[in-house]
mmCIF file of all heavy atoms, coordinates in Angstrom:
data_MODEL
# 
_entry.id   MODEL 
# 
loop_
_atom_site.group_PDB 
_atom_site.id 
_atom_site.type_symbol 
_atom_site.label_atom_id 
_atom_site.label_alt_id 
_atom_site.label_comp_id 
_atom_site.label_asym_id 
_atom_site.label_entity_id 
_atom_site.label_seq_id 
_atom_site.pdbx_PDB_ins_code 
_atom_site.Cartn_x 
_atom_site.Cartn_y 
_atom_site.Cartn_z 
_atom_site.occupancy 
_atom_site.B_iso_or_equiv 
_atom_site.pdbx_formal_charge 
_atom_site.auth_seq_id 
_atom_site.auth_comp_id 
_atom_site.auth_asym_id 
_atom_site.auth_atom_id 
_atom_site.pdbx_PDB_model_num 
ATOM 1   N N   . GLY A 1 1  ? -89.729  -149.544 147.435 1.00 0.00 ? 1  GLY A N   1 
ATOM 2   C CA  . GLY A 1 1  ? -88.662  -150.038 146.608 1.00 0.00 ? 1  GLY A CA  1 
ATOM 3   C C   . GLY A 1 1  ? -88.519  -151.558 146.639 1.00 0.00 ? 1  GLY A C   1 
ATOM 4   O O   . GLY A 1 1  ? -88.390  -152.212 145.607 1.00 0.00 ? 1  GLY A O   1 
ATOM 5   N N   . ALA A 1 2  ? -88.657  -152.153 147.853 1.00 0.00 ? 2  ALA A N   1 
ATOM 6   C CA  . ALA A 1 2  ? -88.580  -153.570 147.951 1.00 0.00 ? 2  ALA A CA  1 
ATOM 7   C C   . ALA A 1 2  ? -89.752  -154.255 147.219 1.00 0.00 ? 2  ALA A C   1 
ATOM 8   O O   . ALA A 1 2  ? -89.545  -155.271 146.532 1.00 0.00 ? 2  ALA A O   1 
ATOM 9   C CB  . ALA A 1 2  ? -88.603  -154.002 149.407 1.00 0.00 ? 2  ALA A CB  1 
ATOM 10  N N   . ALA A 1 3  ? -90.922  -153.651 147.363 1.00 0.00 ? 3  ALA A N   1 
ATOM 11  C CA  . ALA A 1 3  ? -92.087  -154.158 146.662 1.00 0.00 ? 3  ALA A CA  1 
ATOM 12  C C   . ALA A 1 3  ? -91.908  -154.177 145.121 1.00 0.00 ? 3  ALA A C   1 
ATOM 13  O O   . ALA A 1 3  ? -92.235  -155.040 144.459 1.00 0.00 ? 3  ALA A O   1 
ATOM 14  C CB  . ALA A 1 3  ? -93.402  -153.419 147.035 1.00 0.00 ? 3  ALA A CB  1 
ATOM 15  N N   . SER A 1 4  ? -91.341  -153.078 144.652 1.00 0.00 ? 4  SER A N   1 
ATOM 16  C CA  . SER A 1 4  ? -91.103  -152.903 143.241 1.00 0.00 ? 4  SER A CA  1 
ATOM 17  C C   . SER A 1 4  ? -90.137  -153.980 142.696 1.00 0.00 ? 4  SER A C   1 
ATOM 18  O O   . SER A 1 4  ? -90.406  -154.625 141.688 1.00 0.00 ? 4  SER A O   1 
ATOM 19  C CB  . SER A 1 4  ? -90.602  -151.537 142.926 1.00 0.00 ? 4  SER A CB  1 
ATOM 20  O OG  . SER A 1 4  ? -90.315  -151.319 141.557 1.00 0.00 ? 4  SER A OG  1 
ATOM 21  N N   . VAL A 1 5  ? -89.011  -154.135 143.442 1.00 0.00 ? 5  VAL A N   1 
ATOM 22  C CA  . VAL A 1 5  ? -88.001  -155.101 142.999 1.00 0.00 ? 5  VAL A CA  1 
ATOM 23  C C   . VAL A 1 5  ? -88.558  -156.492 143.036 1.00 0.00 ? 5  VAL A C   1 
ATOM 24  O O   . VAL A 1 5  ? -88.384  -157.308 142.098 1.00 0.00 ? 5  VAL A O   1 
ATOM 25  C CB  . VAL A 1 5  ? -86.703  -154.909 143.849 1.00 0.00 ? 5  VAL A CB  1 
ATOM 26  C CG1 . VAL A 1 5  ? -85.733  -156.104 143.560 1.00 0.00 ? 5  VAL A CG1 1 
ATOM 27  C CG2 . VAL A 1 5  ? -86.076  -153.599 143.637 1.00 0.00 ? 5  VAL A CG2 1 
ATOM 28  N N   . LEU A 1 6  ? -89.250  -156.823 144.151 1.00 0.00 ? 6  LEU A N   1 
ATOM 29  C CA  . LEU A 1 6  ? -89.824  -158.215 144.246 1.00 0.00 ? 6  LEU A CA  1 
ATOM 30  C C   . LEU A 1 6  ? -90.890  -158.445 143.165 1.00 0.00 ? 6  LEU A C   1 
ATOM 31  O O   . LEU A 1 6  ? -90.979  -159.531 142.658 1.00 0.00 ? 6  LEU A O   1 
ATOM 32  C CB  . LEU A 1 6  ? -90.411  -158.350 145.674 1.00 0.00 ? 6  LEU A CB  1 
ATOM 33  C CG  . LEU A 1 6  ? -89.420  -158.537 146.772 1.00 0.00 ? 6  LEU A CG  1 
ATOM 34  C CD1 . LEU A 1 6  ? -90.075  -158.344 148.111 1.00 0.00 ? 6  LEU A CD1 1 
ATOM 35  C CD2 . LEU A 1 6  ? -88.757  -159.974 146.678 1.00 0.00 ? 6  LEU A CD2 1 
ATOM 36  N N   . GLY A 1 7  ? -91.620  -157.406 142.808 1.00 0.00 ? 7  GLY A N   1 
ATOM 37  C CA  . GLY A 1 7  ? -92.613  -157.551 141.755 1.00 0.00 ? 7  GLY A CA  1 
ATOM 38  C C   . GLY A 1 7  ? -91.960  -157.914 140.482 1.00 0.00 ? 7  GLY A C   1 
ATOM 39  O O   . GLY A 1 7  ? -92.402  -158.839 139.748 1.00 0.00 ? 7  GLY A O   1 
ATOM 40  N N   . HIS A 1 8  ? -90.843  -157.279 140.138 1.00 0.00 ? 8  HIS A N   1 
ATOM 41  C CA  . HIS A 1 8  ? -90.105  -157.573 138.880 1.00 0.00 ? 8  HIS A CA  1 
ATOM 42  C C   . HIS A 1 8  ? -89.525  -158.953 138.976 1.00 0.00 ? 8  HIS A C   1 
ATOM 43  O O   . HIS A 1 8  ? -89.596  -159.685 137.974 1.00 0.00 ? 8  HIS A O   1 
ATOM 44  C CB  . HIS A 1 8  ? -89.061  -156.536 138.644 1.00 0.00 ? 8  HIS A CB  1 
ATOM 45  C CG  . HIS A 1 8  ? -89.631  -155.203 138.270 1.00 0.00 ? 8  HIS A CG  1 
ATOM 46  N ND1 . HIS A 1 8  ? -90.360  -154.970 137.115 1.00 0.00 ? 8  HIS A ND1 1 
ATOM 47  C CD2 . HIS A 1 8  ? -89.528  -153.986 138.916 1.00 0.00 ? 8  HIS A CD2 1 
ATOM 48  C CE1 . HIS A 1 8  ? -90.699  -153.713 137.112 1.00 0.00 ? 8  HIS A CE1 1 
ATOM 49  N NE2 . HIS A 1 8  ? -90.223  -153.085 138.138 1.00 0.00 ? 8  HIS A NE2 1 
ATOM 50  N N   . LEU A 1 9  ? -88.977  -159.319 140.099 1.00 0.00 ? 9  LEU A N   1 
ATOM 51  C CA  . LEU A 1 9  ? -88.325  -160.645 140.194 1.00 0.00 ? 9  LEU A CA  1 
ATOM 52  C C   . LEU A 1 9  ? -89.401  -161.710 140.102 1.00 0.00 ? 9  LEU A C   1 
ATOM 53  O O   . LEU A 1 9  ? -89.183  -162.780 139.487 1.00 0.00 ? 9  LEU A O   1 
ATOM 54  C CB  . LEU A 1 9  ? -87.609  -160.791 141.527 1.00 0.00 ? 9  LEU A CB  1 
ATOM 55  C CG  . LEU A 1 9  ? -86.334  -159.953 141.706 1.00 0.00 ? 9  LEU A CG  1 
ATOM 56  C CD1 . LEU A 1 9  ? -85.795  -160.108 143.104 1.00 0.00 ? 9  LEU A CD1 1 
ATOM 57  C CD2 . LEU A 1 9  ? -85.312  -160.339 140.664 1.00 0.00 ? 9  LEU A CD2 1 
ATOM 58  N N   . GLY A 1 10 ? -90.551  -161.482 140.697 1.00 0.00 ? 10 GLY A N   1 
ATOM 59  C CA  . GLY A 1 10 ? -91.635  -162.513 140.734 1.00 0.00 ? 10 GLY A CA  1 
ATOM 60  C C   . GLY A 1 10 ? -92.169  -162.741 139.307 1.00 0.00 ? 10 GLY A C   1 
ATOM 61  O O   . GLY A 1 10 ? -92.674  -163.800 138.999 1.00 0.00 ? 10 GLY A O   1 
ATOM 62  N N   . LYS A 1 11 ? -92.070  -161.756 138.405 1.00 0.00 ? 11 LYS A N   1 
ATOM 63  C CA  . LYS A 1 11 ? -92.520  -161.956 137.061 1.00 0.00 ? 11 LYS A CA  1 
ATOM 64  C C   . LYS A 1 11 ? -91.612  -162.857 136.244 1.00 0.00 ? 11 LYS A C   1 
ATOM 65  O O   . LYS A 1 11 ? -92.037  -163.501 135.322 1.00 0.00 ? 11 LYS A O   1 
ATOM 66  C CB  . LYS A 1 11 ? -92.637  -160.618 136.297 1.00 0.00 ? 11 LYS A CB  1 
ATOM 67  C CG  . LYS A 1 11 ? -93.776  -159.762 136.693 1.00 0.00 ? 11 LYS A CG  1 
ATOM 68  C CD  . LYS A 1 11 ? -93.732  -158.450 135.940 1.00 0.00 ? 11 LYS A CD  1 
ATOM 69  C CE  . LYS A 1 11 ? -94.874  -157.547 136.370 1.00 0.00 ? 11 LYS A CE  1 
ATOM 70  N NZ  . LYS A 1 11 ? -94.942  -156.290 135.675 1.00 0.00 ? 11 LYS A NZ  1 
ATOM 71  N N   . ARG A 1 12 ? -90.306  -162.863 136.686 1.00 0.00 ? 12 ARG A N   1 
ATOM 72  C CA  . ARG A 1 12 ? -89.327  -163.643 135.972 1.00 0.00 ? 12 ARG A CA  1 
ATOM 73  C C   . ARG A 1 12 ? -89.126  -165.100 136.474 1.00 0.00 ? 12 ARG A C   1 
ATOM 74  O O   . ARG A 1 12 ? -88.528  -165.918 135.835 1.00 0.00 ? 12 ARG A O   1 
ATOM 75  C CB  . ARG A 1 12 ? -87.964  -162.924 135.966 1.00 0.00 ? 12 ARG A CB  1 
ATOM 76  C CG  . ARG A 1 12 ? -87.992  -161.571 135.326 1.00 0.00 ? 12 ARG A CG  1 
ATOM 77  C CD  . ARG A 1 12 ? -86.644  -160.962 135.083 1.00 0.00 ? 12 ARG A CD  1 
ATOM 78  N NE  . ARG A 1 12 ? -85.724  -161.133 136.159 1.00 0.00 ? 12 ARG A NE  1 
ATOM 79  C CZ  . ARG A 1 12 ? -84.998  -160.120 136.678 1.00 0.00 ? 12 ARG A CZ  1 
ATOM 80  N NH1 . ARG A 1 12 ? -85.205  -158.898 136.266 1.00 0.00 ? 12 ARG A NH1 1 
ATOM 81  N NH2 . ARG A 1 12 ? -84.108  -160.347 137.637 1.00 0.00 ? 12 ARG A NH2 1 
ATOM 82  N N   . SER A 1 13 ? -89.565  -165.298 137.705 1.00 0.00 ? 13 SER A N   1 
ATOM 83  C CA  . SER A 1 13 ? -89.302  -166.579 138.341 1.00 0.00 ? 13 SER A CA  1 
ATOM 84  C C   . SER A 1 13 ? -90.504  -167.094 139.098 1.00 0.00 ? 13 SER A C   1 
ATOM 85  O O   . SER A 1 13 ? -90.953  -166.482 139.992 1.00 0.00 ? 13 SER A O   1 
ATOM 86  C CB  . SER A 1 13 ? -88.098  -166.436 139.283 1.00 0.00 ? 13 SER A CB  1 
ATOM 87  O OG  . SER A 1 13 ? -87.985  -167.567 140.141 1.00 0.00 ? 13 SER A OG  1 
ATOM 88  N N   . ASP A 1 14 ? -90.917  -168.357 138.699 1.00 0.00 ? 14 ASP A N   1 
ATOM 89  C CA  . ASP A 1 14 ? -92.014  -168.921 139.441 1.00 0.00 ? 14 ASP A CA  1 
ATOM 90  C C   . ASP A 1 14 ? -91.668  -169.187 140.927 1.00 0.00 ? 14 ASP A C   1 
ATOM 91  O O   . ASP A 1 14 ? -92.491  -169.017 141.828 1.00 0.00 ? 14 ASP A O   1 
ATOM 92  C CB  . ASP A 1 14 ? -92.443  -170.251 138.780 1.00 0.00 ? 14 ASP A CB  1 
ATOM 93  C CG  . ASP A 1 14 ? -93.096  -170.049 137.436 1.00 0.00 ? 14 ASP A CG  1 
ATOM 94  O OD1 . ASP A 1 14 ? -93.580  -168.954 137.175 1.00 0.00 ? 14 ASP A OD1 1 
ATOM 95  O OD2 . ASP A 1 14 ? -93.104  -171.036 136.656 1.00 0.00 ? 14 ASP A OD2 1 
ATOM 96  N N   . ALA A 1 15 ? -90.419  -169.592 141.157 1.00 0.00 ? 15 ALA A N   1 
ATOM 97  C CA  . ALA A 1 15 ? -90.018  -169.879 142.543 1.00 0.00 ? 15 ALA A CA  1 
ATOM 98  C C   . ALA A 1 15 ? -90.034  -168.611 143.409 1.00 0.00 ? 15 ALA A C   1 
ATOM 99  O O   . ALA A 1 15 ? -90.526  -168.621 144.511 1.00 0.00 ? 15 ALA A O   1 
ATOM 100 C CB  . ALA A 1 15 ? -88.593  -170.447 142.550 1.00 0.00 ? 15 ALA A CB  1 
ATOM 101 N N   . ILE A 1 16 ? -89.576  -167.484 142.883 1.00 0.00 ? 16 ILE A N   1 
ATOM 102 C CA  . ILE A 1 16 ? -89.596  -166.237 143.579 1.00 0.00 ? 16 ILE A CA  1 
ATOM 103 C C   . ILE A 1 16 ? -91.019  -165.741 143.709 1.00 0.00 ? 16 ILE A C   1 
ATOM 104 O O   . ILE A 1 16 ? -91.437  -165.299 144.816 1.00 0.00 ? 16 ILE A O   1 
ATOM 105 C CB  . ILE A 1 16 ? -88.710  -165.146 142.906 1.00 0.00 ? 16 ILE A CB  1 
ATOM 106 C CG1 . ILE A 1 16 ? -87.224  -165.559 143.008 1.00 0.00 ? 16 ILE A CG1 1 
ATOM 107 C CG2 . ILE A 1 16 ? -88.935  -163.774 143.490 1.00 0.00 ? 16 ILE A CG2 1 
ATOM 108 C CD1 . ILE A 1 16 ? -86.283  -164.689 142.292 1.00 0.00 ? 16 ILE A CD1 1 
ATOM 109 N N   . ARG A 1 17 ? -91.827  -165.866 142.695 1.00 0.00 ? 17 ARG A N   1 
ATOM 110 C CA  . ARG A 1 17 ? -93.252  -165.497 142.765 1.00 0.00 ? 17 ARG A CA  1 
ATOM 111 C C   . ARG A 1 17 ? -93.919  -166.241 143.935 1.00 0.00 ? 17 ARG A C   1 
ATOM 112 O O   . ARG A 1 17 ? -94.580  -165.668 144.730 1.00 0.00 ? 17 ARG A O   1 
ATOM 113 C CB  . ARG A 1 17 ? -93.940  -165.790 141.464 1.00 0.00 ? 17 ARG A CB  1 
ATOM 114 C CG  . ARG A 1 17 ? -95.432  -165.408 141.472 1.00 0.00 ? 17 ARG A CG  1 
ATOM 115 C CD  . ARG A 1 17 ? -96.147  -165.749 140.179 1.00 0.00 ? 17 ARG A CD  1 
ATOM 116 N NE  . ARG A 1 17 ? -95.420  -165.301 139.018 1.00 0.00 ? 17 ARG A NE  1 
ATOM 117 C CZ  . ARG A 1 17 ? -94.982  -166.152 138.030 1.00 0.00 ? 17 ARG A CZ  1 
ATOM 118 N NH1 . ARG A 1 17 ? -95.163  -167.420 138.151 1.00 0.00 ? 17 ARG A NH1 1 
ATOM 119 N NH2 . ARG A 1 17 ? -94.259  -165.663 137.044 1.00 0.00 ? 17 ARG A NH2 1 
ATOM 120 N N   . LEU A 1 18 ? -93.714  -167.544 144.022 1.00 0.00 ? 18 LEU A N   1 
ATOM 121 C CA  . LEU A 1 18 ? -94.320  -168.312 145.078 1.00 0.00 ? 18 LEU A CA  1 
ATOM 122 C C   . LEU A 1 18 ? -93.839  -167.909 146.437 1.00 0.00 ? 18 LEU A C   1 
ATOM 123 O O   . LEU A 1 18 ? -94.655  -167.759 147.409 1.00 0.00 ? 18 LEU A O   1 
ATOM 124 C CB  . LEU A 1 18 ? -94.018  -169.822 144.876 1.00 0.00 ? 18 LEU A CB  1 
ATOM 125 C CG  . LEU A 1 18 ? -94.633  -170.786 145.873 1.00 0.00 ? 18 LEU A CG  1 
ATOM 126 C CD1 . LEU A 1 18 ? -96.142  -170.677 145.871 1.00 0.00 ? 18 LEU A CD1 1 
ATOM 127 C CD2 . LEU A 1 18 ? -94.177  -172.175 145.473 1.00 0.00 ? 18 LEU A CD2 1 
ATOM 128 N N   . GLU A 1 19 ? -92.482  -167.675 146.563 1.00 0.00 ? 19 GLU A N   1 
ATOM 129 C CA  . GLU A 1 19 ? -91.926  -167.205 147.807 1.00 0.00 ? 19 GLU A CA  1 
ATOM 130 C C   . GLU A 1 19 ? -92.551  -165.851 148.277 1.00 0.00 ? 19 GLU A C   1 
ATOM 131 O O   . GLU A 1 19 ? -92.929  -165.706 149.430 1.00 0.00 ? 19 GLU A O   1 
ATOM 132 C CB  . GLU A 1 19 ? -90.427  -167.050 147.604 1.00 0.00 ? 19 GLU A CB  1 
ATOM 133 C CG  . GLU A 1 19 ? -89.668  -166.732 148.899 1.00 0.00 ? 19 GLU A CG  1 
ATOM 134 C CD  . GLU A 1 19 ? -89.437  -167.932 149.777 1.00 0.00 ? 19 GLU A CD  1 
ATOM 135 O OE1 . GLU A 1 19 ? -89.473  -169.077 149.272 1.00 0.00 ? 19 GLU A OE1 1 
ATOM 136 O OE2 . GLU A 1 19 ? -89.272  -167.754 150.973 1.00 0.00 ? 19 GLU A OE2 1 
ATOM 137 N N   . VAL A 1 20 ? -92.663  -164.954 147.329 1.00 0.00 ? 20 VAL A N   1 
ATOM 138 C CA  . VAL A 1 20 ? -93.247  -163.609 147.674 1.00 0.00 ? 20 VAL A CA  1 
ATOM 139 C C   . VAL A 1 20 ? -94.683  -163.769 148.080 1.00 0.00 ? 20 VAL A C   1 
ATOM 140 O O   . VAL A 1 20 ? -95.145  -163.254 149.109 1.00 0.00 ? 20 VAL A O   1 
ATOM 141 C CB  . VAL A 1 20 ? -93.113  -162.687 146.436 1.00 0.00 ? 20 VAL A CB  1 
ATOM 142 C CG1 . VAL A 1 20 ? -93.879  -161.388 146.648 1.00 0.00 ? 20 VAL A CG1 1 
ATOM 143 C CG2 . VAL A 1 20 ? -91.598  -162.327 146.178 1.00 0.00 ? 20 VAL A CG2 1 
ATOM 144 N N   . LEU A 1 21 ? -95.457  -164.478 147.268 1.00 0.00 ? 21 LEU A N   1 
ATOM 145 C CA  . LEU A 1 21 ? -96.906  -164.595 147.596 1.00 0.00 ? 21 LEU A CA  1 
ATOM 146 C C   . LEU A 1 21 ? -97.145  -165.356 148.945 1.00 0.00 ? 21 LEU A C   1 
ATOM 147 O O   . LEU A 1 21 ? -98.010  -164.944 149.673 1.00 0.00 ? 21 LEU A O   1 
ATOM 148 C CB  . LEU A 1 21 ? -97.632  -165.263 146.442 1.00 0.00 ? 21 LEU A CB  1 
ATOM 149 C CG  . LEU A 1 21 ? -97.654  -164.401 145.140 1.00 0.00 ? 21 LEU A CG  1 
ATOM 150 C CD1 . LEU A 1 21 ? -98.327  -165.183 144.049 1.00 0.00 ? 21 LEU A CD1 1 
ATOM 151 C CD2 . LEU A 1 21 ? -98.337  -163.057 145.353 1.00 0.00 ? 21 LEU A CD2 1 
ATOM 152 N N   . GLN A 1 22 ? -96.275  -166.338 149.191 1.00 0.00 ? 22 GLN A N   1 
ATOM 153 C CA  . GLN A 1 22 ? -96.423  -167.067 150.484 1.00 0.00 ? 22 GLN A CA  1 
ATOM 154 C C   . GLN A 1 22 ? -96.085  -166.087 151.664 1.00 0.00 ? 22 GLN A C   1 
ATOM 155 O O   . GLN A 1 22 ? -96.763  -166.080 152.683 1.00 0.00 ? 22 GLN A O   1 
ATOM 156 C CB  . GLN A 1 22 ? -95.557  -168.235 150.532 1.00 0.00 ? 22 GLN A CB  1 
ATOM 157 C CG  . GLN A 1 22 ? -96.050  -169.435 149.749 1.00 0.00 ? 22 GLN A CG  1 
ATOM 158 C CD  . GLN A 1 22 ? -95.126  -170.620 149.745 1.00 0.00 ? 22 GLN A CD  1 
ATOM 159 O OE1 . GLN A 1 22 ? -93.933  -170.481 150.065 1.00 0.00 ? 22 GLN A OE1 1 
ATOM 160 N NE2 . GLN A 1 22 ? -95.629  -171.757 149.363 1.00 0.00 ? 22 GLN A NE2 1 
ATOM 161 N N   . TRP A 1 23 ? -95.016  -165.327 151.477 1.00 0.00 ? 23 TRP A N   1 
ATOM 162 C CA  . TRP A 1 23 ? -94.620  -164.386 152.525 1.00 0.00 ? 23 TRP A CA  1 
ATOM 163 C C   . TRP A 1 23 ? -95.774  -163.335 152.777 1.00 0.00 ? 23 TRP A C   1 
ATOM 164 O O   . TRP A 1 23 ? -96.081  -163.064 153.932 1.00 0.00 ? 23 TRP A O   1 
ATOM 165 C CB  . TRP A 1 23 ? -93.323  -163.661 152.165 1.00 0.00 ? 23 TRP A CB  1 
ATOM 166 C CG  . TRP A 1 23 ? -92.760  -162.847 153.275 1.00 0.00 ? 23 TRP A CG  1 
ATOM 167 C CD1 . TRP A 1 23 ? -91.872  -163.243 154.193 1.00 0.00 ? 23 TRP A CD1 1 
ATOM 168 C CD2 . TRP A 1 23 ? -93.111  -161.464 153.616 1.00 0.00 ? 23 TRP A CD2 1 
ATOM 169 N NE1 . TRP A 1 23 ? -91.608  -162.218 155.095 1.00 0.00 ? 23 TRP A NE1 1 
ATOM 170 C CE2 . TRP A 1 23 ? -92.384  -161.158 154.749 1.00 0.00 ? 23 TRP A CE2 1 
ATOM 171 C CE3 . TRP A 1 23 ? -94.000  -160.564 153.049 1.00 0.00 ? 23 TRP A CE3 1 
ATOM 172 C CZ2 . TRP A 1 23 ? -92.428  -159.891 155.379 1.00 0.00 ? 23 TRP A CZ2 1 
ATOM 173 C CZ3 . TRP A 1 23 ? -94.061  -159.306 153.674 1.00 0.00 ? 23 TRP A CZ3 1 
ATOM 174 C CH2 . TRP A 1 23 ? -93.334  -158.982 154.772 1.00 0.00 ? 23 TRP A CH2 1 
ATOM 175 N N   . LEU A 1 24 ? -96.287  -162.812 151.705 1.00 0.00 ? 24 LEU A N   1 
ATOM 176 C CA  . LEU A 1 24 ? -97.328  -161.800 151.832 1.00 0.00 ? 24 LEU A CA  1 
ATOM 177 C C   . LEU A 1 24 ? -98.586  -162.409 152.566 1.00 0.00 ? 24 LEU A C   1 
ATOM 178 O O   . LEU A 1 24 ? -99.172  -161.798 153.404 1.00 0.00 ? 24 LEU A O   1 
ATOM 179 C CB  . LEU A 1 24 ? -97.782  -161.314 150.502 1.00 0.00 ? 24 LEU A CB  1 
ATOM 180 C CG  . LEU A 1 24 ? -96.713  -160.459 149.733 1.00 0.00 ? 24 LEU A CG  1 
ATOM 181 C CD1 . LEU A 1 24 ? -97.180  -160.155 148.311 1.00 0.00 ? 24 LEU A CD1 1 
ATOM 182 C CD2 . LEU A 1 24 ? -96.427  -159.192 150.464 1.00 0.00 ? 24 LEU A CD2 1 
ATOM 183 N N   . GLU A 1 25 ? -98.866  -163.666 152.220 1.00 0.00 ? 25 GLU A N   1 
ATOM 184 C CA  . GLU A 1 25 ? -100.019 -164.340 152.901 1.00 0.00 ? 25 GLU A CA  1 
ATOM 185 C C   . GLU A 1 25 ? -99.744  -164.539 154.391 1.00 0.00 ? 25 GLU A C   1 
ATOM 186 O O   . GLU A 1 25 ? -100.688 -164.447 155.174 1.00 0.00 ? 25 GLU A O   1 
ATOM 187 C CB  . GLU A 1 25 ? -100.271 -165.647 152.190 1.00 0.00 ? 25 GLU A CB  1 
ATOM 188 C CG  . GLU A 1 25 ? -101.505 -166.382 152.668 1.00 0.00 ? 25 GLU A CG  1 
ATOM 189 C CD  . GLU A 1 25 ? -101.698 -167.660 151.896 1.00 0.00 ? 25 GLU A CD  1 
ATOM 190 O OE1 . GLU A 1 25 ? -101.149 -168.706 152.269 1.00 0.00 ? 25 GLU A OE1 1 
ATOM 191 O OE2 . GLU A 1 25 ? -102.444 -167.581 150.867 1.00 0.00 ? 25 GLU A OE2 1 
ATOM 192 N N   . GLN A 1 26 ? -98.537  -164.869 154.754 1.00 0.00 ? 26 GLN A N   1 
ATOM 193 C CA  . GLN A 1 26 ? -98.187  -165.145 156.084 1.00 0.00 ? 26 GLN A CA  1 
ATOM 194 C C   . GLN A 1 26 ? -97.971  -163.899 156.979 1.00 0.00 ? 26 GLN A C   1 
ATOM 195 O O   . GLN A 1 26 ? -97.800  -163.980 158.180 1.00 0.00 ? 26 GLN A O   1 
ATOM 196 C CB  . GLN A 1 26 ? -96.906  -166.045 156.174 1.00 0.00 ? 26 GLN A CB  1 
ATOM 197 C CG  . GLN A 1 26 ? -97.155  -167.439 155.568 1.00 0.00 ? 26 GLN A CG  1 
ATOM 198 C CD  . GLN A 1 26 ? -95.849  -168.168 155.414 1.00 0.00 ? 26 GLN A CD  1 
ATOM 199 O OE1 . GLN A 1 26 ? -94.792  -167.683 155.722 1.00 0.00 ? 26 GLN A OE1 1 
ATOM 200 N NE2 . GLN A 1 26 ? -95.984  -169.396 154.958 1.00 0.00 ? 26 GLN A NE2 1 
# 
């Protein structure tokens, strides 16, 4: 569920996309 919501948020916001991808990398 968290992955799904974050995926949708990341599509709408460059800042959230970057935050999510950095977290996943770390």
